[in-house]
Amino acid sequence: MAITSANQLELLQTAEAVAREKMIDPGLVVEAMEESLARAAKSRYGAEMDIRVKIDRKTGRATFTRVRTVVTDEELENYQAEMTVEQAKQYLDDPKVGDTFVEEVPPVEMGRIAAQSAKQVILQKVREAERDRQYEEFKDRAGTIINGLVKREEYGNVIVDVGAGEAILRRNEKIGRESYRPGDRIRVYIKDVRREQRGPQIFLSRTAPEFMAELFKMEVPEIYDGIIEIKAVARDPGSRAKIAVISYDNSIDPVGACVGMRGSRVQAVVNELQGEKIDIIPWNEDQPTFLVNALQPAEVSKVVLDEEAGKIEVVVPEEQLSLAIGRRGQNVRLASQLTGLDIDIMTEAQESARRQAEFELRTKLFVDKLDLDEFFAQLLVSEGFSNLEEVAYVEIDELLVIDGVDEDTANELQARARDVLEAQNKAALENARALGVEDSLIDFEGLTPQMIEALARDDVKTLEDFATCADWELAGGWTTVNGERVKDDGVLEPFDVSLEEAQTMIMTARIMLGWVDPADLEAEEDADAEETEESEV
C-alpha cells in the first residue's frame, strides 16, 4: 500500500477501531503502525539505515526520515546511520559527538510481503498492550473475590472468563469433587496474578483459607467495617473449617455476629463452600486459652505450653480423646493450623504414665551416677532436680530443704556430682580431639565439652565450620511442608540451646574470624531499633 493522502485518514480510523475493540490506548496502535512502516522502509532503503516514521495524530500523514548520528572516528561502524564530526560539517554548523542529522526521505509503497510483515507487527503490539492492560487491571485485585463464567475444563483445570480475560482454577484449588459445565457462574478468590511471557496469568482458588475470610467479610457487615477481625482461618476444604474472630466492641459478640440470626450468615458461607462445616471460635491472646477454644467441641483438662519449641501438650479425659483428635486427625490438625502450634494430645492416663516414666528415668540417673539408694534418689527427683548439673551447682540451701539432708550430706552430694561431670567432660573432650576438633573450637567460650563432641560428630570441627552454621542447625526448629509442621533437629538441641543463644554464638564466631565488623552490626541494630520505634508510633 502507498502512503497517500487518500488513505492517511484511514490509518487513524483503523487505529481508533482496533483500540476501541481491544480497550487499549489508540496511541499504542499508532506507534505499532509507525514501527511497521519503518520496517517496510528499511527493507526498501536498506537495513543498515536508521529510518524512522512519524504519523501525525490529527491528519494521519506519515513522515519518513533518515537519521544519522555523529560519532568519533574510532566508533564509526555503520556508514549508513553514523558519520564522523568531519563528515557532519557539510550538514551541520558546529557538529559534536552525539548530534543527529535528520532528513526526510520519500515515502515507500508496501509490497505484499511488507504489508503482511507490518500487519504482524501491529498485531503483536496490540497483543502486548492488551496483556499489559489485563495485568494492570488484575494485579491490584489479588486477594479479592470475583464472579466469573466457566468457559471450559482442561485436564481437571477450569478456565474461567473473568470479563477482561481468562483465569485458571487448578484442579487442586477446587473444593472436593466439584465439576462445572461451560456457562456456569462461579465465585472464586484471586490467589495470584503473574506477568508471564504469554501474558498475565490469573490463578484462582476456592480452597484458600482467605476465600472463606472474604466470604465472611461479604456476609458480616461488622467484619467489613473493622469492628470484628478475622485473626486466623484453617480449612479442610469441602469438609470442615475453623475460623478465629475477635471483636473490638465489647457490646458485640464476635461469634454471634458471624453466625447471624438463626445461622443465616454462616449458612450463606456454608452453602457457597459445598456444605463445609464451620467452627467459629473466639480468639484469645493467651495461647493455651485460645487452644482450648480451638479444640472445641472437645473438653480439655490441662494445657502445657513450650513457647520456645512452638509445641503444646494437651491432656483430655479418656472419653474425649477421639473427639479431640477428630476423624482422621482432622480436629487437632485444624486446631494446629489455627494456632500455629504443634499439638500433642494425650489422655490423663497417658500423661500419668509418661510422668512416671520420666520420674523413674531421673531416679535411675541419680542412683547410677551418684551411687545413691533408690529412696534418696526419689527424694531428689521429687524436689525438682532433673540432672547432675542442677545438683552440682545449685545453692546448698536448696539441698538442705530435703528431709534427712544436712550440710555434710549436701557437700558430699555436690562433690560426687562435680566429679562425675568432670569425668564426663574429660571423656567428651578426648573423643572430640580424636575426631579431629581444632583448639579454635575447643577454646570458644559458651561451648561445653559435650557440645563440642556433638558438633564433631556432625562434622563441625573448626571455628570456621561453626561460623558457617545456621541458627536452626544448632538449636533446631520447625518448618512447614505441604501445610504440615515438620521438626528440624538441631545439633545442640539436646543441651537446651535456644535460637537466640545459637544466633549470638554464631555471630561471635564470625566477628572473631573477621567476617563481620562489630561496627556494622551495631549500626544495623540501631537502624532496626529506630524502625521498631517508628512502627510503634
Protein backbone atom coordinates (compact mmCIF):
# COMPACT_ATOMS: atom_id res chain seq x y z
CA MET A 1 0.00 0.00 0.00
CA ALA A 2 1.26 3.53 -0.76
CA ILE A 3 1.06 6.14 1.97
CA THR A 4 -1.05 8.70 0.09
CA SER A 5 -3.38 11.43 1.26
CA ALA A 6 -6.32 9.17 0.32
CA ASN A 7 -5.54 6.59 2.94
CA GLN A 8 -3.81 8.77 5.54
CA LEU A 9 -7.03 9.34 7.47
CA GLU A 10 -7.83 5.65 7.13
CA LEU A 11 -4.73 4.86 9.21
CA LEU A 12 -6.07 6.82 12.15
CA GLN A 13 -9.56 5.36 11.78
CA THR A 14 -8.12 1.84 11.80
CA ALA A 15 -6.06 2.64 14.90
CA GLU A 16 -9.15 4.02 16.66
CA ALA A 17 -11.24 0.96 15.75
CA VAL A 18 -8.61 -1.55 16.93
CA ALA A 19 -8.01 0.39 20.16
CA ARG A 20 -11.74 0.56 20.88
CA GLU A 21 -12.21 -3.15 20.23
CA LYS A 22 -9.27 -4.19 22.44
CA MET A 23 -9.86 -1.45 25.03
CA ILE A 24 -6.32 -0.08 24.75
CA ASP A 25 -4.75 3.33 24.11
CA PRO A 26 -5.06 4.34 20.38
CA GLY A 27 -1.56 5.85 20.68
CA LEU A 28 -0.13 2.34 21.16
CA VAL A 29 -1.72 1.18 17.89
CA VAL A 30 -0.34 4.24 16.03
CA GLU A 31 3.13 3.50 17.47
CA ALA A 32 2.84 -0.06 16.18
CA MET A 33 1.92 1.29 12.74
CA GLU A 34 4.92 3.63 12.82
CA GLU A 35 7.20 0.72 13.67
CA SER A 36 5.75 -1.47 10.90
CA LEU A 37 6.11 1.33 8.30
CA ALA A 38 9.71 1.93 9.43
CA ARG A 39 10.44 -1.78 9.00
CA ALA A 40 8.99 -1.70 5.47
CA ALA A 41 11.06 1.39 4.62
CA LYS A 42 14.24 -0.33 5.84
CA SER A 43 13.59 -3.25 3.52
CA ARG A 44 13.31 -0.71 0.68
CA TYR A 45 16.20 1.66 1.52
CA GLY A 46 18.50 -0.81 3.33
CA ALA A 47 18.51 -2.46 6.75
CA GLU A 48 21.64 -0.53 7.79
CA MET A 49 19.82 2.79 7.64
CA ASP A 50 18.12 4.32 10.69
CA ILE A 51 14.72 5.03 9.17
CA ARG A 52 12.01 6.43 11.42
CA VAL A 53 8.34 7.11 10.74
CA LYS A 54 6.08 9.61 12.47
CA ILE A 55 2.33 9.61 11.91
CA ASP A 56 0.58 12.93 12.58
CA ARG A 57 -2.12 12.21 15.18
CA LYS A 58 -4.53 14.71 13.57
CA THR A 59 -4.11 14.32 9.82
CA GLY A 60 -2.74 10.78 9.65
CA ARG A 61 0.15 11.94 7.41
CA ALA A 62 3.19 9.65 7.71
CA THR A 63 6.61 11.35 7.56
CA PHE A 64 9.62 9.15 6.72
CA THR A 65 13.00 10.39 7.95
CA ARG A 66 16.57 9.11 7.85
CA VAL A 67 18.61 9.75 11.00
CA ARG A 68 22.42 9.84 11.15
CA THR A 69 24.30 10.18 14.43
CA VAL A 70 27.65 11.94 14.89
CA VAL A 71 30.31 9.62 16.43
CA THR A 72 34.10 9.63 16.89
CA ASP A 73 36.38 8.22 14.20
CA GLU A 74 37.05 5.12 16.35
CA GLU A 75 33.34 4.41 16.95
CA LEU A 76 32.34 4.68 13.28
CA GLU A 77 30.97 1.28 12.19
CA ASN A 78 27.74 1.82 10.28
CA TYR A 79 28.30 4.34 7.43
CA GLN A 80 24.56 4.42 6.67
CA ALA A 81 23.46 5.54 10.16
CA GLU A 82 26.61 7.19 11.54
CA MET A 83 29.15 9.82 10.48
CA THR A 84 32.26 11.47 11.91
CA VAL A 85 32.45 15.07 13.08
CA GLU A 86 34.37 15.97 9.88
CA GLN A 87 31.70 14.40 7.65
CA ALA A 88 28.95 16.14 9.58
CA LYS A 89 30.34 19.61 8.87
CA GLN A 90 28.72 19.60 5.42
CA TYR A 91 25.29 19.20 7.07
CA LEU A 92 25.62 20.89 10.49
CA ASP A 93 27.17 24.23 11.51
CA ASP A 94 29.01 23.09 14.65
CA PRO A 95 28.71 19.29 14.91
CA LYS A 96 29.55 17.47 18.15
CA VAL A 97 29.60 13.79 19.05
CA GLY A 98 26.04 12.70 19.81
CA ASP A 99 24.37 15.23 17.47
CA THR A 100 21.95 13.89 14.87
CA PHE A 101 21.21 14.93 11.30
CA VAL A 102 17.63 14.24 10.20
CA GLU A 103 16.50 14.39 6.57
CA GLU A 104 13.13 13.49 5.10
CA VAL A 105 13.03 10.65 2.57
CA PRO A 106 10.28 9.76 0.08
CA PRO A 107 7.53 7.50 1.44
CA VAL A 108 7.58 3.90 0.32
CA GLU A 109 4.96 1.69 -1.23
CA MET A 110 4.37 -1.55 0.60
CA GLY A 111 4.54 -4.75 -1.33
CA ARG A 112 2.53 -7.82 -0.36
CA ILE A 113 5.27 -9.23 1.90
CA ALA A 114 5.96 -5.87 3.56
CA ALA A 115 2.26 -5.35 4.20
CA GLN A 116 1.99 -8.82 5.76
CA SER A 117 5.01 -8.07 7.96
CA ALA A 118 3.50 -4.74 9.01
CA LYS A 119 0.27 -6.48 9.92
CA GLN A 120 2.17 -8.95 12.14
CA VAL A 121 4.00 -6.11 13.92
CA ILE A 122 0.74 -4.30 14.60
CA LEU A 123 -0.99 -7.44 15.87
CA GLN A 124 1.97 -8.23 18.14
CA LYS A 125 1.99 -4.74 19.61
CA VAL A 126 -1.76 -4.85 20.14
CA ARG A 127 -1.46 -8.22 21.94
CA GLU A 128 1.27 -6.86 24.20
CA ALA A 129 -0.78 -3.77 25.02
CA GLU A 130 -3.80 -5.96 25.74
CA ARG A 131 -1.75 -8.14 28.10
CA ASP A 132 -0.37 -5.11 29.92
CA ARG A 133 -3.88 -3.75 30.34
CA GLN A 134 -5.09 -7.08 31.75
CA TYR A 135 -2.17 -7.28 34.17
CA GLU A 136 -2.65 -3.69 35.38
CA GLU A 137 -6.37 -4.36 35.86
CA PHE A 138 -5.94 -7.55 37.89
CA LYS A 139 -2.66 -7.10 39.79
CA ASP A 140 -4.35 -4.99 42.47
CA ARG A 141 -7.33 -7.36 42.67
CA ALA A 142 -5.28 -10.28 44.03
CA GLY A 143 -6.76 -11.19 47.40
CA THR A 144 -10.35 -10.40 46.41
CA ILE A 145 -13.36 -12.42 45.29
CA ILE A 146 -14.58 -12.27 41.69
CA ASN A 147 -17.56 -13.73 39.84
CA GLY A 148 -16.78 -15.44 36.56
CA LEU A 149 -18.24 -17.63 33.84
CA VAL A 150 -16.93 -21.13 33.19
CA LYS A 151 -15.59 -21.39 29.61
CA ARG A 152 -14.19 -24.92 29.52
CA GLU A 153 -12.43 -27.62 31.51
CA GLU A 154 -8.93 -28.86 30.62
CA TYR A 155 -7.42 -31.87 32.39
CA GLY A 156 -9.40 -31.08 35.54
CA ASN A 157 -8.46 -27.37 35.46
CA VAL A 158 -11.33 -24.92 34.93
CA ILE A 159 -10.81 -21.96 32.57
CA VAL A 160 -12.91 -19.03 33.79
CA ASP A 161 -13.93 -15.91 31.86
CA VAL A 162 -13.41 -13.00 34.26
CA GLY A 163 -14.51 -10.24 31.88
CA ALA A 164 -11.25 -8.77 30.64
CA GLY A 165 -9.50 -12.08 30.13
CA GLU A 166 -9.25 -15.70 31.17
CA ALA A 167 -8.20 -17.11 34.54
CA ILE A 168 -7.43 -20.64 35.68
CA LEU A 169 -8.87 -22.60 38.61
CA ARG A 170 -6.48 -25.52 39.07
CA ARG A 171 -7.73 -28.96 39.95
CA ASN A 172 -6.20 -28.81 43.47
CA GLU A 173 -7.88 -25.43 44.11
CA LYS A 174 -11.39 -26.85 43.64
CA ILE A 175 -13.46 -27.99 46.61
CA GLY A 176 -13.76 -31.78 46.74
CA ARG A 177 -15.09 -33.19 43.50
CA GLU A 178 -16.69 -30.02 42.16
CA SER A 179 -17.46 -30.17 38.46
CA TYR A 180 -18.52 -27.33 36.21
CA ARG A 181 -20.08 -27.05 32.77
CA PRO A 182 -19.48 -24.27 30.25
CA GLY A 183 -21.72 -21.31 31.06
CA ASP A 184 -21.90 -22.00 34.83
CA ARG A 185 -21.45 -18.97 37.06
CA ILE A 186 -18.68 -19.37 39.65
CA ARG A 187 -17.45 -17.35 42.60
CA VAL A 188 -13.69 -17.57 43.13
CA TYR A 189 -10.80 -15.99 45.04
CA ILE A 190 -7.98 -14.35 43.05
CA LYS A 191 -4.96 -16.03 44.62
CA ASP A 192 -2.17 -14.69 42.42
CA VAL A 193 -1.59 -12.57 39.31
CA ARG A 194 1.71 -13.04 37.49
CA ARG A 195 3.18 -11.29 34.47
CA GLU A 196 4.42 -14.07 32.18
CA GLN A 197 5.75 -14.32 28.62
CA ARG A 198 2.44 -15.44 27.16
CA GLY A 199 0.50 -12.79 29.03
CA PRO A 200 -0.78 -12.26 32.58
CA GLN A 201 -1.68 -15.49 34.37
CA ILE A 202 -4.55 -15.17 36.85
CA PHE A 203 -4.69 -18.03 39.35
CA LEU A 204 -7.96 -18.65 41.17
CA SER A 205 -8.83 -20.67 44.26
CA ARG A 206 -11.82 -21.97 46.17
CA THR A 207 -9.77 -23.88 48.77
CA ALA A 208 -7.66 -20.98 50.11
CA PRO A 209 -8.41 -20.00 53.74
CA GLU A 210 -8.55 -16.40 52.53
CA PHE A 211 -11.55 -17.29 50.32
CA MET A 212 -13.55 -18.16 53.44
CA ALA A 213 -12.38 -14.99 55.19
CA GLU A 214 -13.51 -12.85 52.22
CA LEU A 215 -16.89 -14.63 52.11
CA PHE A 216 -17.45 -13.81 55.78
CA LYS A 217 -16.45 -10.20 55.08
CA MET A 218 -19.20 -10.06 52.44
CA GLU A 219 -21.82 -11.61 54.73
CA VAL A 220 -20.93 -9.91 58.05
CA PRO A 221 -21.04 -6.07 57.94
CA GLU A 222 -19.17 -5.85 61.27
CA ILE A 223 -16.14 -7.55 59.67
CA TYR A 224 -16.29 -5.25 56.64
CA ASP A 225 -16.46 -2.22 58.98
CA GLY A 226 -13.49 -3.46 61.05
CA ILE A 227 -15.46 -3.90 64.29
CA ILE A 228 -14.79 -7.65 64.14
CA GLU A 229 -11.50 -9.02 62.83
CA ILE A 230 -10.76 -12.48 61.47
CA LYS A 231 -7.48 -13.43 63.17
CA ALA A 232 -6.94 -16.90 61.68
CA VAL A 233 -8.58 -19.43 59.36
CA ALA A 234 -7.86 -23.15 58.96
CA ARG A 235 -9.63 -25.30 56.37
CA ASP A 236 -10.02 -28.87 55.26
CA PRO A 237 -11.78 -27.76 52.03
CA GLY A 238 -15.25 -29.19 51.50
CA SER A 239 -15.25 -30.94 54.89
CA ARG A 240 -14.57 -28.72 57.89
CA ALA A 241 -13.05 -25.38 58.86
CA LYS A 242 -12.23 -23.30 61.92
CA ILE A 243 -12.22 -19.51 61.97
CA ALA A 244 -10.99 -17.36 64.89
CA VAL A 245 -12.59 -13.94 65.38
CA ILE A 246 -12.23 -11.05 67.82
CA SER A 247 -14.50 -8.06 68.48
CA TYR A 248 -13.16 -4.56 69.18
CA ASP A 249 -16.55 -3.51 70.56
CA ASN A 250 -17.43 -5.04 73.95
CA SER A 251 -21.14 -4.84 73.16
CA ILE A 252 -20.81 -7.10 70.08
CA ASP A 253 -20.33 -10.85 70.37
CA PRO A 254 -17.97 -11.84 67.50
CA VAL A 255 -19.20 -15.42 67.29
CA GLY A 256 -22.88 -14.44 67.37
CA ALA A 257 -22.37 -11.75 64.72
CA CYS A 258 -20.72 -14.27 62.38
CA VAL A 259 -23.42 -16.88 62.95
CA GLY A 260 -26.23 -14.38 62.33
CA MET A 261 -29.94 -14.59 63.05
CA ARG A 262 -30.86 -18.30 63.07
CA GLY A 263 -27.50 -19.02 61.47
CA SER A 264 -28.32 -17.08 58.30
CA ARG A 265 -24.86 -15.53 57.83
CA VAL A 266 -22.75 -18.61 58.42
CA GLN A 267 -25.21 -20.70 56.38
CA ALA A 268 -24.65 -18.45 53.35
CA VAL A 269 -20.91 -19.19 53.57
CA VAL A 270 -21.52 -22.92 54.15
CA ASN A 271 -23.72 -23.11 51.04
CA GLU A 272 -21.04 -21.43 48.90
CA LEU A 273 -18.43 -23.90 50.23
CA GLN A 274 -20.42 -27.03 49.37
CA GLY A 275 -21.63 -27.72 52.91
CA GLU A 276 -18.27 -27.26 54.66
CA LYS A 277 -18.88 -27.34 58.45
CA ILE A 278 -17.50 -24.20 60.11
CA ASP A 279 -16.48 -23.81 63.77
CA ILE A 280 -16.43 -20.12 64.75
CA ILE A 281 -14.04 -19.61 67.67
CA PRO A 282 -13.36 -16.55 69.87
CA TRP A 283 -9.71 -15.53 69.50
CA ASN A 284 -7.63 -15.00 72.66
CA GLU A 285 -4.14 -13.55 73.15
CA ASP A 286 -3.41 -16.24 75.74
CA GLN A 287 -2.30 -19.19 73.61
CA PRO A 288 -3.42 -22.00 75.97
CA THR A 289 -6.87 -20.41 76.28
CA PHE A 290 -7.08 -19.95 72.52
CA LEU A 291 -6.09 -23.60 72.01
CA VAL A 292 -8.78 -24.81 74.40
CA ASN A 293 -11.29 -22.82 72.28
CA ALA A 294 -9.78 -24.16 69.03
CA LEU A 295 -10.18 -27.80 70.10
CA GLN A 296 -13.94 -27.40 70.55
CA PRO A 297 -16.17 -29.36 70.82
CA ALA A 298 -13.70 -31.47 72.88
CA GLU A 299 -13.14 -30.62 76.57
CA VAL A 300 -9.55 -30.09 77.75
CA SER A 301 -8.26 -30.97 81.24
CA LYS A 302 -4.80 -29.38 81.10
CA VAL A 303 -2.53 -27.49 78.71
CA VAL A 304 1.30 -27.36 78.90
CA LEU A 305 2.91 -24.81 76.54
CA ASP A 306 6.54 -24.92 75.37
CA GLU A 307 6.81 -21.49 73.71
CA GLU A 308 10.43 -21.92 72.59
CA ALA A 309 9.68 -25.11 70.65
CA GLY A 310 6.30 -23.84 69.49
CA LYS A 311 4.82 -27.04 70.91
CA ILE A 312 1.89 -27.62 73.21
CA GLU A 313 0.74 -30.65 75.18
CA VAL A 314 -2.98 -31.10 75.70
CA VAL A 315 -4.40 -33.52 78.26
CA VAL A 316 -8.01 -34.66 77.79
CA PRO A 317 -10.23 -37.18 79.60
CA GLU A 318 -10.22 -40.67 78.07
CA GLU A 319 -13.76 -40.33 76.69
CA GLN A 320 -12.85 -37.02 74.97
CA LEU A 321 -9.75 -38.30 73.12
CA SER A 322 -11.44 -39.37 69.86
CA LEU A 323 -13.47 -36.12 69.78
CA ALA A 324 -10.35 -34.00 70.34
CA ILE A 325 -8.41 -35.78 67.60
CA GLY A 326 -11.36 -35.91 65.21
CA ARG A 327 -11.91 -38.21 62.24
CA ARG A 328 -8.52 -38.94 60.66
CA GLY A 329 -6.98 -36.33 62.97
CA GLN A 330 -9.00 -33.53 61.39
CA ASN A 331 -9.92 -31.61 64.56
CA VAL A 332 -6.41 -31.48 66.03
CA ARG A 333 -4.88 -30.74 62.60
CA LEU A 334 -7.17 -27.73 62.07
CA ALA A 335 -6.55 -26.51 65.64
CA SER A 336 -2.80 -26.77 64.97
CA GLN A 337 -3.09 -24.73 61.75
CA LEU A 338 -5.26 -22.15 63.51
CA THR A 339 -2.89 -21.63 66.47
CA GLY A 340 0.41 -22.22 64.62
CA LEU A 341 1.45 -24.69 67.32
CA ASP A 342 2.45 -28.34 67.21
CA ILE A 343 -0.18 -30.08 69.35
CA ASP A 344 0.43 -33.33 71.22
CA ILE A 345 -2.82 -34.80 72.58
CA MET A 346 -2.82 -37.42 75.33
CA THR A 347 -5.25 -38.84 77.85
CA GLU A 348 -4.91 -38.29 81.60
CA ALA A 349 -3.75 -41.90 81.95
CA GLN A 350 -1.10 -41.49 79.23
CA GLU A 351 0.19 -38.30 80.85
CA SER A 352 0.40 -40.01 84.21
CA ALA A 353 2.32 -42.94 82.68
CA ARG A 354 4.71 -40.57 80.92
CA ARG A 355 5.40 -38.61 84.08
CA GLN A 356 6.02 -41.86 85.93
CA ALA A 357 8.48 -42.94 83.24
CA GLU A 358 10.33 -39.59 83.49
CA PHE A 359 10.43 -39.92 87.29
CA GLU A 360 11.92 -43.41 87.05
CA LEU A 361 14.48 -42.32 84.44
CA ARG A 362 15.75 -39.43 86.59
CA THR A 363 15.77 -41.63 89.67
CA LYS A 364 17.93 -44.20 87.83
CA LEU A 365 20.32 -41.42 86.71
CA PHE A 366 20.96 -40.35 90.33
CA VAL A 367 21.21 -43.97 91.55
CA ASP A 368 23.75 -44.91 88.88
CA LYS A 369 25.85 -41.73 88.73
CA LEU A 370 25.81 -40.56 92.37
CA ASP A 371 25.77 -44.02 93.97
CA LEU A 372 22.58 -43.26 95.95
CA ASP A 373 19.89 -45.62 97.21
CA GLU A 374 16.57 -45.52 95.33
CA PHE A 375 14.63 -43.77 98.12
CA PHE A 376 17.14 -40.91 98.37
CA ALA A 377 17.25 -40.53 94.57
CA GLN A 378 13.44 -40.32 94.51
CA LEU A 379 13.58 -37.53 97.10
CA LEU A 380 15.88 -35.54 94.81
CA VAL A 381 13.56 -36.01 91.83
CA SER A 382 10.51 -35.08 93.92
CA GLU A 383 12.21 -31.79 94.85
CA GLY A 384 12.52 -30.95 91.14
CA PHE A 385 16.14 -31.97 90.40
CA SER A 386 16.36 -33.42 86.90
CA ASN A 387 20.08 -33.55 86.02
CA LEU A 388 23.58 -33.68 87.53
CA GLU A 389 24.34 -30.01 86.75
CA GLU A 390 21.48 -28.88 88.99
CA VAL A 391 22.77 -30.98 91.89
CA ALA A 392 26.41 -29.92 91.39
CA TYR A 393 25.98 -26.18 91.09
CA VAL A 394 22.74 -25.33 92.95
CA GLU A 395 22.90 -23.18 96.08
CA ILE A 396 23.48 -25.54 99.02
CA ASP A 397 20.38 -24.19 100.82
CA GLU A 398 18.20 -25.81 98.15
CA LEU A 399 19.61 -29.23 99.08
CA LEU A 400 19.20 -28.65 102.82
CA VAL A 401 15.38 -28.41 102.49
CA ILE A 402 15.28 -32.13 101.59
CA ASP A 403 14.37 -34.35 104.57
CA GLY A 404 17.42 -36.05 106.05
CA VAL A 405 19.98 -33.87 104.24
CA ASP A 406 22.43 -31.97 106.45
CA GLU A 407 25.34 -29.77 105.37
CA ASP A 408 27.86 -32.65 105.17
CA THR A 409 25.48 -34.75 103.08
CA ALA A 410 24.79 -31.81 100.75
CA ASN A 411 28.53 -31.15 100.28
CA GLU A 412 29.12 -34.85 99.58
CA LEU A 413 26.30 -34.89 97.03
CA GLN A 414 27.71 -31.87 95.19
CA ALA A 415 31.23 -33.26 95.27
CA ARG A 416 30.07 -36.55 93.72
CA ALA A 417 28.04 -34.74 91.05
CA ARG A 418 31.02 -32.50 90.14
CA ASP A 419 33.39 -35.49 89.95
CA VAL A 420 31.01 -37.27 87.55
CA LEU A 421 30.62 -34.14 85.40
CA GLU A 422 34.39 -33.58 85.27
CA ALA A 423 34.92 -37.19 84.19
CA GLN A 424 32.23 -36.81 81.50
CA ASN A 425 33.78 -33.54 80.28
CA LYS A 426 37.25 -35.09 80.09
CA ALA A 427 35.94 -38.09 78.13
CA ALA A 428 33.94 -35.86 75.77
CA LEU A 429 36.99 -33.66 75.12
CA GLU A 430 39.18 -36.67 74.38
CA ASN A 431 36.56 -38.02 71.96
CA ALA A 432 36.32 -34.62 70.26
CA ARG A 433 40.11 -34.39 69.81
CA ALA A 434 40.15 -37.94 68.45
CA LEU A 435 37.52 -36.86 65.88
CA GLY A 436 39.83 -34.01 64.75
CA VAL A 437 38.40 -30.96 66.52
CA GLU A 438 40.79 -27.98 66.48
CA ASP A 439 41.70 -25.84 69.51
CA SER A 440 39.97 -22.82 67.92
CA LEU A 441 36.62 -24.52 68.56
CA ILE A 442 37.59 -26.09 71.91
CA ASP A 443 38.61 -22.66 73.28
CA PHE A 444 35.41 -20.96 72.05
CA GLU A 445 33.50 -19.60 75.05
CA GLY A 446 29.99 -20.94 75.54
CA LEU A 447 30.54 -24.49 74.25
CA THR A 448 30.78 -27.34 76.78
CA PRO A 449 32.91 -30.44 76.03
CA GLN A 450 29.72 -32.44 75.36
CA MET A 451 28.56 -29.79 72.88
CA ILE A 452 31.95 -29.85 71.14
CA GLU A 453 31.78 -33.65 70.87
CA ALA A 454 28.25 -33.43 69.39
CA LEU A 455 29.46 -30.82 66.86
CA ALA A 456 32.44 -33.00 65.92
CA ARG A 457 30.16 -35.96 65.24
CA ASP A 458 28.21 -33.64 62.90
CA ASP A 459 31.50 -32.77 61.12
CA VAL A 460 31.82 -29.29 62.67
CA LYS A 461 35.49 -29.31 63.77
CA THR A 462 36.83 -25.77 63.39
CA LEU A 463 35.72 -22.27 64.33
CA GLU A 464 35.21 -21.62 60.60
CA ASP A 465 32.88 -24.64 60.37
CA PHE A 466 30.94 -23.35 63.37
CA ALA A 467 30.67 -19.81 61.93
CA THR A 468 29.06 -21.12 58.73
CA CYS A 469 26.26 -22.91 60.64
CA ALA A 470 22.69 -21.58 60.62
CA ASP A 471 20.98 -20.94 63.97
CA TRP A 472 18.32 -23.62 63.33
CA GLU A 473 21.05 -26.19 62.51
CA LEU A 474 22.31 -25.74 66.09
CA ALA A 475 19.10 -25.09 68.05
CA GLY A 476 16.59 -26.94 65.88
CA GLY A 477 13.32 -25.52 64.61
CA TRP A 478 10.11 -26.10 62.72
CA THR A 479 9.33 -25.76 59.03
CA THR A 480 6.00 -26.06 57.22
CA VAL A 481 5.92 -28.60 54.40
CA ASN A 482 2.65 -29.01 52.46
CA GLY A 483 0.74 -27.43 55.32
CA GLU A 484 2.27 -29.78 57.92
CA ARG A 485 4.75 -28.63 60.57
CA VAL A 486 7.97 -30.68 60.34
CA LYS A 487 10.64 -30.81 63.06
CA ASP A 488 14.27 -29.96 62.22
CA ASP A 489 16.59 -31.47 64.83
CA GLY A 490 19.46 -29.21 65.98
CA VAL A 491 22.96 -30.49 66.85
CA LEU A 492 22.92 -28.63 70.19
CA GLU A 493 19.19 -29.05 70.85
CA PRO A 494 19.74 -31.80 73.50
CA PHE A 495 21.69 -29.17 75.50
CA ASP A 496 18.71 -26.74 75.55
CA VAL A 497 20.43 -24.15 73.36
CA SER A 498 17.81 -21.60 72.20
CA LEU A 499 17.68 -19.96 68.76
CA GLU A 500 18.77 -16.63 70.27
CA GLU A 501 21.75 -18.24 72.00
CA ALA A 502 22.70 -20.02 68.77
CA GLN A 503 22.49 -16.72 66.83
CA THR A 504 24.72 -14.96 69.41
CA MET A 505 27.36 -17.71 69.37
CA ILE A 506 27.48 -17.88 65.54
CA MET A 507 27.76 -14.08 65.26
CA THR A 508 30.53 -14.03 67.92
CA ALA A 509 32.47 -16.65 65.92
CA ARG A 510 32.08 -14.58 62.73
CA ILE A 511 33.35 -11.46 64.49
CA MET A 512 36.36 -13.39 65.90
CA LEU A 513 37.20 -14.58 62.38
CA GLY A 514 36.88 -11.04 60.98
CA TRP A 515 33.95 -11.96 58.73
CA VAL A 516 31.70 -9.36 60.37
CA ASP A 517 32.58 -5.86 61.54
CA PRO A 518 31.08 -5.15 65.01
CA ALA A 519 30.56 -1.50 63.99
CA ASP A 520 28.36 -2.57 61.06
CA LEU A 521 26.44 -4.85 63.41
CA GLU A 522 25.80 -2.01 65.88
CA ALA A 523 24.65 0.29 63.06
CA GLU A 524 22.25 -2.40 61.83
CA GLU A 525 20.86 -2.94 65.35
CA ASP A 526 20.37 0.84 65.79
CA ALA A 527 18.53 1.02 62.45
CA ASP A 528 16.29 -1.91 63.49
CA ALA A 529 15.57 -0.21 66.83
CA GLU A 530 14.61 3.05 65.08
CA GLU A 531 12.36 1.15 62.68
CA THR A 532 10.65 -0.60 65.60
CA GLU A 533 10.09 2.72 67.40
CA GLU A 534 8.58 4.27 64.25
CA SER A 535 6.21 1.32 63.74
CA GLU A 536 5.10 1.54 67.39
CA VAL A 537 4.37 5.26 66.98
